[in-house]
């Protein structure tokens, strides 16, 4: 099954980012394709390389980057939401890219299911 994900909460203020990552990893392990993850609203904070969690905590941003590197998952950050929060290309973690809402619409059209994480 071809899946698209929408993440709209930050990585350490809400469980949505962590749950979305776990869902994506499990789906890929079961043979499904996660074609795109679209980060919207506070979800754009999942894409910043400036995140530095304590050593004994999970590094959600790095997990997303690794998913992109190993499985080619398209990690798209909403341009409007990112700019409102001071996130530009220079601070994106590896594997993320900034684009518009058209990428979310495109994913919704091409994917068999779109799963939303966060409010």
PDB file of N, CA and C in Angstrom:
ATOM      1  N   UNK A   1       0.836  -1.180   0.000  1.00  0.00           N
ATOM      2  CA  UNK A   1       0.000   0.000   0.000  1.00  0.00           C
ATOM      3  C   UNK A   1       0.884   1.246   0.000  1.00  0.00           C
ATOM      4  N   UNK A   2       0.484   2.229  -0.758  1.00  0.00           N
ATOM      5  CA  UNK A   2       1.215   3.489  -0.838  1.00  0.00           C
ATOM      6  C   UNK A   2       0.600   4.467   0.173  1.00  0.00           C
ATOM      7  N   UNK A   3       1.440   4.974   1.097  1.00  0.00           N
ATOM      8  CA  UNK A   3       0.966   5.824   2.183  1.00  0.00           C
ATOM      9  C   UNK A   3       1.583   7.218   2.128  1.00  0.00           C
ATOM     10  N   UNK A   4       0.826   8.193   2.599  1.00  0.00           N
ATOM     11  CA  UNK A   4       1.322   9.543   2.832  1.00  0.00           C
ATOM     12  C   UNK A   4       0.989   9.885   4.282  1.00  0.00           C
ATOM     13  N   UNK A   5       1.873  10.634   4.929  1.00  0.00           N
ATOM     14  CA  UNK A   5       1.651  11.031   6.319  1.00  0.00           C
ATOM     15  C   UNK A   5       1.641  12.544   6.425  1.00  0.00           C
ATOM     16  N   UNK A   6       0.836  13.050   7.340  1.00  0.00           N
ATOM     17  CA  UNK A   6       0.789  14.468   7.671  1.00  0.00           C
ATOM     18  C   UNK A   6       1.105  14.585   9.155  1.00  0.00           C
ATOM     19  N   UNK A   7       2.155  15.343   9.489  1.00  0.00           N
ATOM     20  CA  UNK A   7       2.568  15.538  10.881  1.00  0.00           C
ATOM     21  C   UNK A   7       2.424  17.018  11.211  1.00  0.00           C
ATOM     22  N   UNK A   8       1.607  17.325  12.228  1.00  0.00           N
ATOM     23  CA  UNK A   8       1.347  18.732  12.531  1.00  0.00           C
ATOM     24  C   UNK A   8       1.682  19.131  13.967  1.00  0.00           C
ATOM     25  N   UNK A   9       2.485  18.332  14.653  1.00  0.00           N
ATOM     26  CA  UNK A   9       2.929  18.666  16.012  1.00  0.00           C
ATOM     27  C   UNK A   9       4.440  18.524  16.104  1.00  0.00           C
ATOM     28  N   UNK A  10       5.048  19.306  16.994  1.00  0.00           N
ATOM     29  CA  UNK A  10       6.495  19.287  17.171  1.00  0.00           C
ATOM     30  C   UNK A  10       6.996  17.986  17.769  1.00  0.00           C
ATOM     31  N   UNK A  11       8.310  17.754  17.682  1.00  0.00           N
ATOM     32  CA  UNK A  11       8.867  16.465  18.083  1.00  0.00           C
ATOM     33  C   UNK A  11       8.898  16.197  19.581  1.00  0.00           C
ATOM     34  N   UNK A  12       8.947  17.202  20.419  1.00  0.00           N
ATOM     35  CA  UNK A  12       9.080  16.957  21.852  1.00  0.00           C
ATOM     36  C   UNK A  12       7.974  17.603  22.674  1.00  0.00           C
ATOM     37  N   UNK A  13       6.994  18.214  22.026  1.00  0.00           N
ATOM     38  CA  UNK A  13       5.883  18.819  22.749  1.00  0.00           C
ATOM     39  C   UNK A  13       4.628  17.972  22.670  1.00  0.00           C
ATOM     40  N   UNK A  14       4.640  16.986  21.822  1.00  0.00           N
ATOM     41  CA  UNK A  14       3.475  16.142  21.587  1.00  0.00           C
ATOM     42  C   UNK A  14       3.974  14.794  21.075  1.00  0.00           C
ATOM     43  N   UNK A  15       3.207  13.768  21.244  1.00  0.00           N
ATOM     44  CA  UNK A  15       3.592  12.417  20.837  1.00  0.00           C
ATOM     45  C   UNK A  15       3.471  12.187  19.327  1.00  0.00           C
ATOM     46  N   UNK A  16       2.825  13.108  18.623  1.00  0.00           N
ATOM     47  CA  UNK A  16       2.492  12.886  17.211  1.00  0.00           C
ATOM     48  C   UNK A  16       3.706  12.596  16.334  1.00  0.00           C
ATOM     49  N   UNK A  17       4.791  13.360  16.477  1.00  0.00           N
ATOM     50  CA  UNK A  17       5.970  13.152  15.640  1.00  0.00           C
ATOM     51  C   UNK A  17       6.594  11.788  15.861  1.00  0.00           C
ATOM     52  N   UNK A  18       6.700  11.392  17.119  1.00  0.00           N
ATOM     53  CA  UNK A  18       7.263  10.086  17.466  1.00  0.00           C
ATOM     54  C   UNK A  18       6.376   8.957  16.948  1.00  0.00           C
ATOM     55  N   UNK A  19       5.075   9.101  17.134  1.00  0.00           N
ATOM     56  CA  UNK A  19       4.132   8.084  16.672  1.00  0.00           C
ATOM     57  C   UNK A  19       4.145   7.975  15.152  1.00  0.00           C
ATOM     58  N   UNK A  20       4.215   9.115  14.479  1.00  0.00           N
ATOM     59  CA  UNK A  20       4.268   9.103  13.006  1.00  0.00           C
ATOM     60  C   UNK A  20       5.511   8.366  12.523  1.00  0.00           C
ATOM     61  N   UNK A  21       6.645   8.636  13.161  1.00  0.00           N
ATOM     62  CA  UNK A  21       7.875   7.938  12.776  1.00  0.00           C
ATOM     63  C   UNK A  21       7.726   6.429  12.989  1.00  0.00           C
ATOM     64  N   UNK A  22       7.232   6.033  14.162  1.00  0.00           N
ATOM     65  CA  UNK A  22       7.066   4.599  14.456  1.00  0.00           C
ATOM     66  C   UNK A  22       6.109   3.944  13.458  1.00  0.00           C
ATOM     67  N   UNK A  23       5.045   4.646  13.102  1.00  0.00           N
ATOM     68  CA  UNK A  23       4.089   4.145  12.109  1.00  0.00           C
ATOM     69  C   UNK A  23       4.777   3.956  10.760  1.00  0.00           C
ATOM     70  N   UNK A  24       5.534   4.969  10.333  1.00  0.00           N
ATOM     71  CA  UNK A  24       6.222   4.896   9.039  1.00  0.00           C
ATOM     72  C   UNK A  24       7.215   3.743   9.011  1.00  0.00           C
ATOM     73  N   UNK A  25       8.012   3.607  10.067  1.00  0.00           N
ATOM     74  CA  UNK A  25       9.004   2.533  10.128  1.00  0.00           C
ATOM     75  C   UNK A  25       8.331   1.161  10.102  1.00  0.00           C
ATOM     76  N   UNK A  26       7.233   1.013  10.838  1.00  0.00           N
ATOM     77  CA  UNK A  26       6.509  -0.264  10.866  1.00  0.00           C
ATOM     78  C   UNK A  26       5.880  -0.570   9.508  1.00  0.00           C
ATOM     79  N   UNK A  27       5.322   0.440   8.860  1.00  0.00           N
ATOM     80  CA  UNK A  27       4.713   0.244   7.539  1.00  0.00           C
ATOM     81  C   UNK A  27       5.756  -0.212   6.529  1.00  0.00           C
ATOM     82  N   UNK A  28       6.915   0.439   6.547  1.00  0.00           N
ATOM     83  CA  UNK A  28       7.994   0.058   5.626  1.00  0.00           C
ATOM     84  C   UNK A  28       8.460  -1.362   5.909  1.00  0.00           C
ATOM     85  N   UNK A  29       8.588  -1.705   7.191  1.00  0.00           N
ATOM     86  CA  UNK A  29       9.017  -3.060   7.573  1.00  0.00           C
ATOM     87  C   UNK A  29       8.022  -4.117   7.087  1.00  0.00           C
ATOM     88  N   UNK A  30       6.753  -3.750   6.955  1.00  0.00           N
ATOM     89  CA  UNK A  30       5.724  -4.680   6.479  1.00  0.00           C
ATOM     90  C   UNK A  30       5.594  -4.680   4.958  1.00  0.00           C
ATOM     91  N   UNK A  31       6.452  -3.899   4.281  1.00  0.00           N
ATOM     92  CA  UNK A  31       6.448  -3.909   2.819  1.00  0.00           C
ATOM     93  C   UNK A  31       5.625  -2.818   2.158  1.00  0.00           C
ATOM     94  N   UNK A  32       5.102  -1.887   2.937  1.00  0.00           N
ATOM     95  CA  UNK A  32       4.344  -0.775   2.373  1.00  0.00           C
ATOM     96  C   UNK A  32       5.291   0.348   1.964  1.00  0.00           C
ATOM     97  N   UNK A  33       4.812   1.229   1.112  1.00  0.00           N
ATOM     98  CA  UNK A  33       5.611   2.377   0.683  1.00  0.00           C
ATOM     99  C   UNK A  33       5.089   3.640   1.361  1.00  0.00           C
ATOM    100  N   UNK A  34       5.988   4.330   2.059  1.00  0.00           N
ATOM    101  CA  UNK A  34       5.652   5.646   2.594  1.00  0.00           C
ATOM    102  C   UNK A  34       6.242   6.638   1.601  1.00  0.00           C
ATOM    103  N   UNK A  35       5.382   7.178   0.752  1.00  0.00           N
ATOM    104  CA  UNK A  35       5.869   8.011  -0.348  1.00  0.00           C
ATOM    105  C   UNK A  35       6.260   9.416   0.100  1.00  0.00           C
ATOM    106  N   UNK A  36       5.538   9.950   1.096  1.00  0.00           N
ATOM    107  CA  UNK A  36       5.831  11.322   1.517  1.00  0.00           C
ATOM    108  C   UNK A  36       5.340  11.528   2.947  1.00  0.00           C
ATOM    109  N   UNK A  37       6.127  12.308   3.691  1.00  0.00           N
ATOM    110  CA  UNK A  37       5.688  12.810   4.986  1.00  0.00           C
ATOM    111  C   UNK A  37       5.680  14.329   4.854  1.00  0.00           C
ATOM    112  N   UNK A  38       4.526  14.931   5.114  1.00  0.00           N
ATOM    113  CA  UNK A  38       4.375  16.379   5.017  1.00  0.00           C
ATOM    114  C   UNK A  38       4.287  16.946   6.422  1.00  0.00           C
ATOM    115  N   UNK A  39       5.195  17.864   6.737  1.00  0.00           N
ATOM    116  CA  UNK A  39       5.254  18.480   8.056  1.00  0.00           C
ATOM    117  C   UNK A  39       4.598  19.853   7.989  1.00  0.00           C
ATOM    118  N   UNK A  40       3.577  20.040   8.824  1.00  0.00           N
ATOM    119  CA  UNK A  40       2.729  21.224   8.763  1.00  0.00           C
ATOM    120  C   UNK A  40       2.568  21.800  10.171  1.00  0.00           C
ATOM    121  N   UNK A  41       2.193  23.053  10.282  1.00  0.00           N
ATOM    122  CA  UNK A  41       2.042  23.746  11.569  1.00  0.00           C
ATOM    123  C   UNK A  41       3.311  23.532  12.403  1.00  0.00           C
ATOM    124  N   UNK A  42       3.173  23.196  13.703  1.00  0.00           N
ATOM    125  CA  UNK A  42       4.356  22.983  14.539  1.00  0.00           C
ATOM    126  C   UNK A  42       5.131  21.721  14.151  1.00  0.00           C
ATOM    127  N   UNK A  43       4.565  20.910  13.293  1.00  0.00           N
ATOM    128  CA  UNK A  43       5.266  19.727  12.812  1.00  0.00           C
ATOM    129  C   UNK A  43       6.554  20.061  12.078  1.00  0.00           C
ATOM    130  N   UNK A  44       6.691  21.304  11.614  1.00  0.00           N
ATOM    131  CA  UNK A  44       7.914  21.707  10.913  1.00  0.00           C
ATOM    132  C   UNK A  44       9.132  21.636  11.819  1.00  0.00           C
ATOM    133  N   UNK A  45       8.918  21.667  13.140  1.00  0.00           N
ATOM    134  CA  UNK A  45      10.050  21.564  14.070  1.00  0.00           C
ATOM    135  C   UNK A  45      10.712  20.183  14.022  1.00  0.00           C
ATOM    136  N   UNK A  46      10.045  19.203  13.431  1.00  0.00           N
ATOM    137  CA  UNK A  46      10.643  17.879  13.243  1.00  0.00           C
ATOM    138  C   UNK A  46      11.777  17.909  12.234  1.00  0.00           C
ATOM    139  N   UNK A  47      11.932  19.012  11.514  1.00  0.00           N
ATOM    140  CA  UNK A  47      12.879  19.090  10.399  1.00  0.00           C
ATOM    141  C   UNK A  47      14.131  19.900  10.689  1.00  0.00           C
ATOM    142  N   UNK A  48      14.252  20.500  11.849  1.00  0.00           N
ATOM    143  CA  UNK A  48      15.384  21.376  12.092  1.00  0.00           C
ATOM    144  C   UNK A  48      16.599  20.647  12.666  1.00  0.00           C
ATOM    145  N   UNK A  49      17.735  20.893  12.071  1.00  0.00           N
ATOM    146  CA  UNK A  49      18.984  20.280  12.550  1.00  0.00           C
ATOM    147  C   UNK A  49      19.470  20.935  13.838  1.00  0.00           C
ATOM    148  N   UNK A  50      18.811  21.992  14.283  1.00  0.00           N
ATOM    149  CA  UNK A  50      19.198  22.681  15.513  1.00  0.00           C
ATOM    150  C   UNK A  50      18.709  21.955  16.765  1.00  0.00           C
ATOM    151  N   UNK A  51      17.923  20.907  16.582  1.00  0.00           N
ATOM    152  CA  UNK A  51      17.415  20.113  17.699  1.00  0.00           C
ATOM    153  C   UNK A  51      18.555  19.324  18.337  1.00  0.00           C
ATOM    154  N   UNK A  52      18.713  19.450  19.645  1.00  0.00           N
ATOM    155  CA  UNK A  52      19.744  18.711  20.380  1.00  0.00           C
ATOM    156  C   UNK A  52      19.167  18.130  21.656  1.00  0.00           C
ATOM    157  N   UNK A  53      18.528  16.960  21.569  1.00  0.00           N
ATOM    158  CA  UNK A  53      17.989  16.338  22.780  1.00  0.00           C
ATOM    159  C   UNK A  53      19.124  15.797  23.651  1.00  0.00           C
ATOM    160  N   UNK A  54      18.858  15.558  24.948  1.00  0.00           N
ATOM    161  CA  UNK A  54      19.872  14.947  25.813  1.00  0.00           C
ATOM    162  C   UNK A  54      20.322  13.597  25.244  1.00  0.00           C
ATOM    163  N   UNK A  55      21.520  13.179  25.619  1.00  0.00           N
ATOM    164  CA  UNK A  55      22.085  11.936  25.066  1.00  0.00           C
ATOM    165  C   UNK A  55      21.237  10.713  25.346  1.00  0.00           C
ATOM    166  N   UNK A  56      20.515  10.712  26.456  1.00  0.00           N
ATOM    167  CA  UNK A  56      19.717   9.533  26.812  1.00  0.00           C
ATOM    168  C   UNK A  56      18.300   9.587  26.245  1.00  0.00           C
ATOM    169  N   UNK A  57      18.010  10.583  25.415  1.00  0.00           N
ATOM    170  CA  UNK A  57      16.686  10.730  24.813  1.00  0.00           C
ATOM    171  C   UNK A  57      16.755  10.360  23.330  1.00  0.00           C
ATOM    172  N   UNK A  58      15.628  10.039  22.750  1.00  0.00           N
ATOM    173  CA  UNK A  58      15.583   9.723  21.330  1.00  0.00           C
ATOM    174  C   UNK A  58      15.756  11.011  20.524  1.00  0.00           C
ATOM    175  N   UNK A  59      16.374  10.894  19.359  1.00  0.00           N
ATOM    176  CA  UNK A  59      16.601  12.051  18.481  1.00  0.00           C
ATOM    177  C   UNK A  59      15.659  11.896  17.293  1.00  0.00           C
ATOM    178  N   UNK A  60      14.468  12.443  17.429  1.00  0.00           N
ATOM    179  CA  UNK A  60      13.414  12.246  16.432  1.00  0.00           C
ATOM    180  C   UNK A  60      13.815  12.796  15.064  1.00  0.00           C
ATOM    181  N   UNK A  61      14.463  13.943  15.043  1.00  0.00           N
ATOM    182  CA  UNK A  61      14.871  14.546  13.765  1.00  0.00           C
ATOM    183  C   UNK A  61      15.828  13.610  13.020  1.00  0.00           C
ATOM    184  N   UNK A  62      16.799  13.058  13.728  1.00  0.00           N
ATOM    185  CA  UNK A  62      17.745  12.134  13.097  1.00  0.00           C
ATOM    186  C   UNK A  62      17.046  10.867  12.601  1.00  0.00           C
ATOM    187  N   UNK A  63      16.024  10.431  13.321  1.00  0.00           N
ATOM    188  CA  UNK A  63      15.276   9.247  12.881  1.00  0.00           C
ATOM    189  C   UNK A  63      14.618   9.507  11.522  1.00  0.00           C
ATOM    190  N   UNK A  64      14.013  10.691  11.373  1.00  0.00           N
ATOM    191  CA  UNK A  64      13.394  11.037  10.092  1.00  0.00           C
ATOM    192  C   UNK A  64      14.444  11.079   8.988  1.00  0.00           C
ATOM    193  N   UNK A  65      15.588  11.713   9.262  1.00  0.00           N
ATOM    194  CA  UNK A  65      16.652  11.802   8.257  1.00  0.00           C
ATOM    195  C   UNK A  65      17.111  10.413   7.826  1.00  0.00           C
ATOM    196  N   UNK A  66      17.231   9.517   8.779  1.00  0.00           N
ATOM    197  CA  UNK A  66      17.667   8.152   8.475  1.00  0.00           C
ATOM    198  C   UNK A  66      16.618   7.423   7.625  1.00  0.00           C
ATOM    199  N   UNK A  67      15.331   7.679   7.901  1.00  0.00           N
ATOM    200  CA  UNK A  67      14.263   7.068   7.103  1.00  0.00           C
ATOM    201  C   UNK A  67      14.353   7.529   5.652  1.00  0.00           C
ATOM    202  N   UNK A  68      14.667   8.788   5.460  1.00  0.00           N
ATOM    203  CA  UNK A  68      14.861   9.317   4.108  1.00  0.00           C
ATOM    204  C   UNK A  68      16.064   8.659   3.443  1.00  0.00           C
ATOM    205  N   UNK A  69      17.149   8.594   4.161  1.00  0.00           N
ATOM    206  CA  UNK A  69      18.396   8.047   3.611  1.00  0.00           C
ATOM    207  C   UNK A  69      18.256   6.571   3.239  1.00  0.00           C
ATOM    208  N   UNK A  70      17.636   5.791   4.103  1.00  0.00           N
ATOM    209  CA  UNK A  70      17.562   4.343   3.899  1.00  0.00           C
ATOM    210  C   UNK A  70      16.415   3.899   2.988  1.00  0.00           C
ATOM    211  N   UNK A  71      15.320   4.678   2.967  1.00  0.00           N
ATOM    212  CA  UNK A  71      14.136   4.216   2.232  1.00  0.00           C
ATOM    213  C   UNK A  71      13.605   5.223   1.220  1.00  0.00           C
ATOM    214  N   UNK A  72      14.275   6.356   1.084  1.00  0.00           N
ATOM    215  CA  UNK A  72      13.869   7.346   0.095  1.00  0.00           C
ATOM    216  C   UNK A  72      12.548   8.036   0.379  1.00  0.00           C
ATOM    217  N   UNK A  73      12.134   8.066   1.647  1.00  0.00           N
ATOM    218  CA  UNK A  73      10.876   8.731   2.003  1.00  0.00           C
ATOM    219  C   UNK A  73      11.042  10.238   1.779  1.00  0.00           C
ATOM    220  N   UNK A  74      10.125  10.820   1.044  1.00  0.00           N
ATOM    221  CA  UNK A  74      10.149  12.250   0.744  1.00  0.00           C
ATOM    222  C   UNK A  74       9.665  13.017   1.975  1.00  0.00           C
ATOM    223  N   UNK A  75      10.553  13.830   2.574  1.00  0.00           N
ATOM    224  CA  UNK A  75      10.234  14.595   3.779  1.00  0.00           C
ATOM    225  C   UNK A  75      10.043  16.058   3.394  1.00  0.00           C
ATOM    226  N   UNK A  76       8.795  16.508   3.361  1.00  0.00           N
ATOM    227  CA  UNK A  76       8.466  17.845   2.872  1.00  0.00           C
ATOM    228  C   UNK A  76       7.986  18.723   4.023  1.00  0.00           C
ATOM    229  N   UNK A  77       8.569  19.911   4.118  1.00  0.00           N
ATOM    230  CA  UNK A  77       8.232  20.879   5.151  1.00  0.00           C
ATOM    231  C   UNK A  77       7.441  22.015   4.510  1.00  0.00           C
ATOM    232  N   UNK A  78       6.286  22.335   5.073  1.00  0.00           N
ATOM    233  CA  UNK A  78       5.449  23.412   4.527  1.00  0.00           C
ATOM    234  C   UNK A  78       6.189  24.742   4.613  1.00  0.00           C
ATOM    235  N   UNK A  79       6.326  25.420   3.490  1.00  0.00           N
ATOM    236  CA  UNK A  79       7.094  26.666   3.425  1.00  0.00           C
ATOM    237  C   UNK A  79       6.486  27.753   4.304  1.00  0.00           C
ATOM    238  N   UNK A  80       5.184  27.928   4.254  1.00  0.00           N
ATOM    239  CA  UNK A  80       4.546  28.992   5.039  1.00  0.00           C
ATOM    240  C   UNK A  80       4.689  28.733   6.537  1.00  0.00           C
ATOM    241  N   UNK A  81       4.420  27.502   6.958  1.00  0.00           N
ATOM    242  CA  UNK A  81       4.542  27.157   8.376  1.00  0.00           C
ATOM    243  C   UNK A  81       5.990  27.272   8.847  1.00  0.00           C
ATOM    244  N   UNK A  82       6.925  26.877   8.003  1.00  0.00           N
ATOM    245  CA  UNK A  82       8.342  26.949   8.360  1.00  0.00           C
ATOM    246  C   UNK A  82       8.793  28.393   8.517  1.00  0.00           C
ATOM    247  N   UNK A  83       8.475  29.239   7.554  1.00  0.00           N
ATOM    248  CA  UNK A  83       8.913  30.630   7.616  1.00  0.00           C
ATOM    249  C   UNK A  83       8.305  31.353   8.809  1.00  0.00           C
ATOM    250  N   UNK A  84       7.059  31.057   9.153  1.00  0.00           N
ATOM    251  CA  UNK A  84       6.433  31.664  10.338  1.00  0.00           C
ATOM    252  C   UNK A  84       7.201  31.315  11.616  1.00  0.00           C
ATOM    253  N   UNK A  85       7.889  30.202  11.597  1.00  0.00           N
ATOM    254  CA  UNK A  85       8.604  29.728  12.781  1.00  0.00           C
ATOM    255  C   UNK A  85      10.118  29.907  12.661  1.00  0.00           C
ATOM    256  N   UNK A  86      10.555  30.646  11.658  1.00  0.00           N
ATOM    257  CA  UNK A  86      11.976  30.947  11.499  1.00  0.00           C
ATOM    258  C   UNK A  86      12.804  29.812  10.935  1.00  0.00           C
ATOM    259  N   UNK A  87      12.162  28.856  10.296  1.00  0.00           N
ATOM    260  CA  UNK A  87      12.882  27.714   9.727  1.00  0.00           C
ATOM    261  C   UNK A  87      13.070  27.941   8.236  1.00  0.00           C
ATOM    262  N   UNK A  88      14.328  27.978   7.832  1.00  0.00           N
ATOM    263  CA  UNK A  88      14.685  28.159   6.426  1.00  0.00           C
ATOM    264  C   UNK A  88      15.556  26.986   5.986  1.00  0.00           C
ATOM    265  N   UNK A  89      15.885  26.949   4.705  1.00  0.00           N
ATOM    266  CA  UNK A  89      16.701  25.857   4.158  1.00  0.00           C
ATOM    267  C   UNK A  89      17.977  25.620   4.950  1.00  0.00           C
ATOM    268  N   UNK A  90      18.590  26.694   5.445  1.00  0.00           N
ATOM    269  CA  UNK A  90      19.884  26.579   6.125  1.00  0.00           C
ATOM    270  C   UNK A  90      19.824  25.739   7.409  1.00  0.00           C
ATOM    271  N   UNK A  91      18.651  25.639   8.018  1.00  0.00           N
ATOM    272  CA  UNK A  91      18.562  24.900   9.280  1.00  0.00           C
ATOM    273  C   UNK A  91      17.888  23.537   9.134  1.00  0.00           C
ATOM    274  N   UNK A  92      17.589  23.141   7.911  1.00  0.00           N
ATOM    275  CA  UNK A  92      16.960  21.836   7.721  1.00  0.00           C
ATOM    276  C   UNK A  92      17.950  20.702   7.951  1.00  0.00           C
ATOM    277  N   UNK A  93      17.478  19.658   8.594  1.00  0.00           N
ATOM    278  CA  UNK A  93      18.273  18.446   8.770  1.00  0.00           C
ATOM    279  C   UNK A  93      18.383  17.737   7.416  1.00  0.00           C
ATOM    280  N   UNK A  94      19.357  16.855   7.264  1.00  0.00           N
ATOM    281  CA  UNK A  94      19.513  16.119   6.004  1.00  0.00           C
ATOM    282  C   UNK A  94      18.244  15.350   5.637  1.00  0.00           C
ATOM    283  N   UNK A  95      17.897  15.393   4.355  1.00  0.00           N
ATOM    284  CA  UNK A  95      16.756  14.643   3.848  1.00  0.00           C
ATOM    285  C   UNK A  95      15.462  15.424   3.771  1.00  0.00           C
ATOM    286  N   UNK A  96      15.393  16.561   4.438  1.00  0.00           N
ATOM    287  CA  UNK A  96      14.182  17.382   4.419  1.00  0.00           C
ATOM    288  C   UNK A  96      14.272  18.421   3.310  1.00  0.00           C
ATOM    289  N   UNK A  97      13.111  18.829   2.798  1.00  0.00           N
ATOM    290  CA  UNK A  97      13.073  19.909   1.826  1.00  0.00           C
ATOM    291  C   UNK A  97      11.839  20.766   2.086  1.00  0.00           C
ATOM    292  N   UNK A  98      11.931  22.031   1.734  1.00  0.00           N
ATOM    293  CA  UNK A  98      10.819  22.953   1.906  1.00  0.00           C
ATOM    294  C   UNK A  98      10.044  23.047   0.598  1.00  0.00           C
ATOM    295  N   UNK A  99       8.710  23.004   0.709  1.00  0.00           N
ATOM    296  CA  UNK A  99       7.853  23.150  -0.465  1.00  0.00           C
ATOM    297  C   UNK A  99       6.476  23.615   0.003  1.00  0.00           C
ATOM    298  N   UNK A 100       5.549  23.725  -0.920  1.00  0.00           N
ATOM    299  CA  UNK A 100       4.228  24.242  -0.609  1.00  0.00           C
ATOM    300  C   UNK A 100       3.187  23.167  -0.367  1.00  0.00           C
ATOM    301  N   UNK A 101       1.976  23.635  -0.066  1.00  0.00           N
ATOM    302  CA  UNK A 101       0.858  22.735   0.202  1.00  0.00           C
ATOM    303  C   UNK A 101       0.498  21.855  -0.990  1.00  0.00           C
ATOM    304  N   UNK A 102       0.929  22.250  -2.171  1.00  0.00           N
ATOM    305  CA  UNK A 102       0.687  21.424  -3.350  1.00  0.00           C
ATOM    306  C   UNK A 102       1.261  20.029  -3.190  1.00  0.00           C
ATOM    307  N   UNK A 103       2.355  19.902  -2.434  1.00  0.00           N
ATOM    308  CA  UNK A 103       2.961  18.589  -2.198  1.00  0.00           C
ATOM    309  C   UNK A 103       2.066  17.707  -1.338  1.00  0.00           C
ATOM    310  N   UNK A 104       1.319  18.338  -0.423  1.00  0.00           N
ATOM    311  CA  UNK A 104       0.364  17.583   0.387  1.00  0.00           C
ATOM    312  C   UNK A 104      -0.801  17.113  -0.481  1.00  0.00           C
ATOM    313  N   UNK A 105      -1.294  17.984  -1.324  1.00  0.00           N
ATOM    314  CA  UNK A 105      -2.389  17.620  -2.237  1.00  0.00           C
ATOM    315  C   UNK A 105      -1.939  16.500  -3.168  1.00  0.00           C
ATOM    316  N   UNK A 106      -0.742  16.638  -3.729  1.00  0.00           N
ATOM    317  CA  UNK A 106      -0.186  15.618  -4.622  1.00  0.00           C
ATOM    318  C   UNK A 106      -0.095  14.267  -3.913  1.00  0.00           C
ATOM    319  N   UNK A 107       0.380  14.284  -2.671  1.00  0.00           N
ATOM    320  CA  UNK A 107       0.491  13.038  -1.912  1.00  0.00           C
ATOM    321  C   UNK A 107      -0.880  12.424  -1.672  1.00  0.00           C
ATOM    322  N   UNK A 108      -1.865  13.271  -1.360  1.00  0.00           N
ATOM    323  CA  UNK A 108      -3.216  12.775  -1.143  1.00  0.00           C
ATOM    324  C   UNK A 108      -3.821  12.141  -2.369  1.00  0.00           C
ATOM    325  N   UNK A 109      -3.463  12.646  -3.525  1.00  0.00           N
ATOM    326  CA  UNK A 109      -3.963  12.088  -4.788  1.00  0.00           C
ATOM    327  C   UNK A 109      -3.267  10.770  -5.126  1.00  0.00           C
ATOM    328  N   UNK A 110      -1.948  10.726  -4.941  1.00  0.00           N
ATOM    329  CA  UNK A 110      -1.169   9.551  -5.347  1.00  0.00           C
ATOM    330  C   UNK A 110      -1.177   8.412  -4.340  1.00  0.00           C
ATOM    331  N   UNK A 111      -1.346   8.734  -3.057  1.00  0.00           N
ATOM    332  CA  UNK A 111      -1.319   7.695  -2.021  1.00  0.00           C
ATOM    333  C   UNK A 111      -2.676   7.000  -1.921  1.00  0.00           C
ATOM    334  N   UNK A 112      -2.647   5.760  -1.481  1.00  0.00           N
ATOM    335  CA  UNK A 112      -3.891   5.041  -1.241  1.00  0.00           C
ATOM    336  C   UNK A 112      -4.525   5.462   0.077  1.00  0.00           C
ATOM    337  N   UNK A 113      -3.688   5.874   1.022  1.00  0.00           N
ATOM    338  CA  UNK A 113      -4.152   6.360   2.324  1.00  0.00           C
ATOM    339  C   UNK A 113      -3.271   7.517   2.764  1.00  0.00           C
ATOM    340  N   UNK A 114      -3.897   8.520   3.381  1.00  0.00           N
ATOM    341  CA  UNK A 114      -3.163   9.603   4.031  1.00  0.00           C
ATOM    342  C   UNK A 114      -3.507   9.540   5.501  1.00  0.00           C
ATOM    343  N   UNK A 115      -2.481   9.429   6.334  1.00  0.00           N
ATOM    344  CA  UNK A 115      -2.667   9.290   7.776  1.00  0.00           C
ATOM    345  C   UNK A 115      -2.161  10.557   8.450  1.00  0.00           C
ATOM    346  N   UNK A 116      -2.979  11.125   9.333  1.00  0.00           N
ATOM    347  CA  UNK A 116      -2.662  12.380  10.007  1.00  0.00           C
ATOM    348  C   UNK A 116      -2.256  12.131  11.453  1.00  0.00           C
ATOM    349  N   UNK A 117      -1.187  12.820  11.881  1.00  0.00           N
ATOM    350  CA  UNK A 117      -0.702  12.725  13.251  1.00  0.00           C
ATOM    351  C   UNK A 117      -0.647  14.121  13.837  1.00  0.00           C
ATOM    352  N   UNK A 118      -1.368  14.343  14.921  1.00  0.00           N
ATOM    353  CA  UNK A 118      -1.403  15.645  15.579  1.00  0.00           C
ATOM    354  C   UNK A 118      -2.691  16.377  15.282  1.00  0.00           C
ATOM    355  N   UNK A 119      -2.907  17.423  16.081  1.00  0.00           N
ATOM    356  CA  UNK A 119      -4.173  18.157  15.987  1.00  0.00           C
ATOM    357  C   UNK A 119      -4.138  19.148  14.949  1.00  0.00           C
TER     358      UNK A 119
END
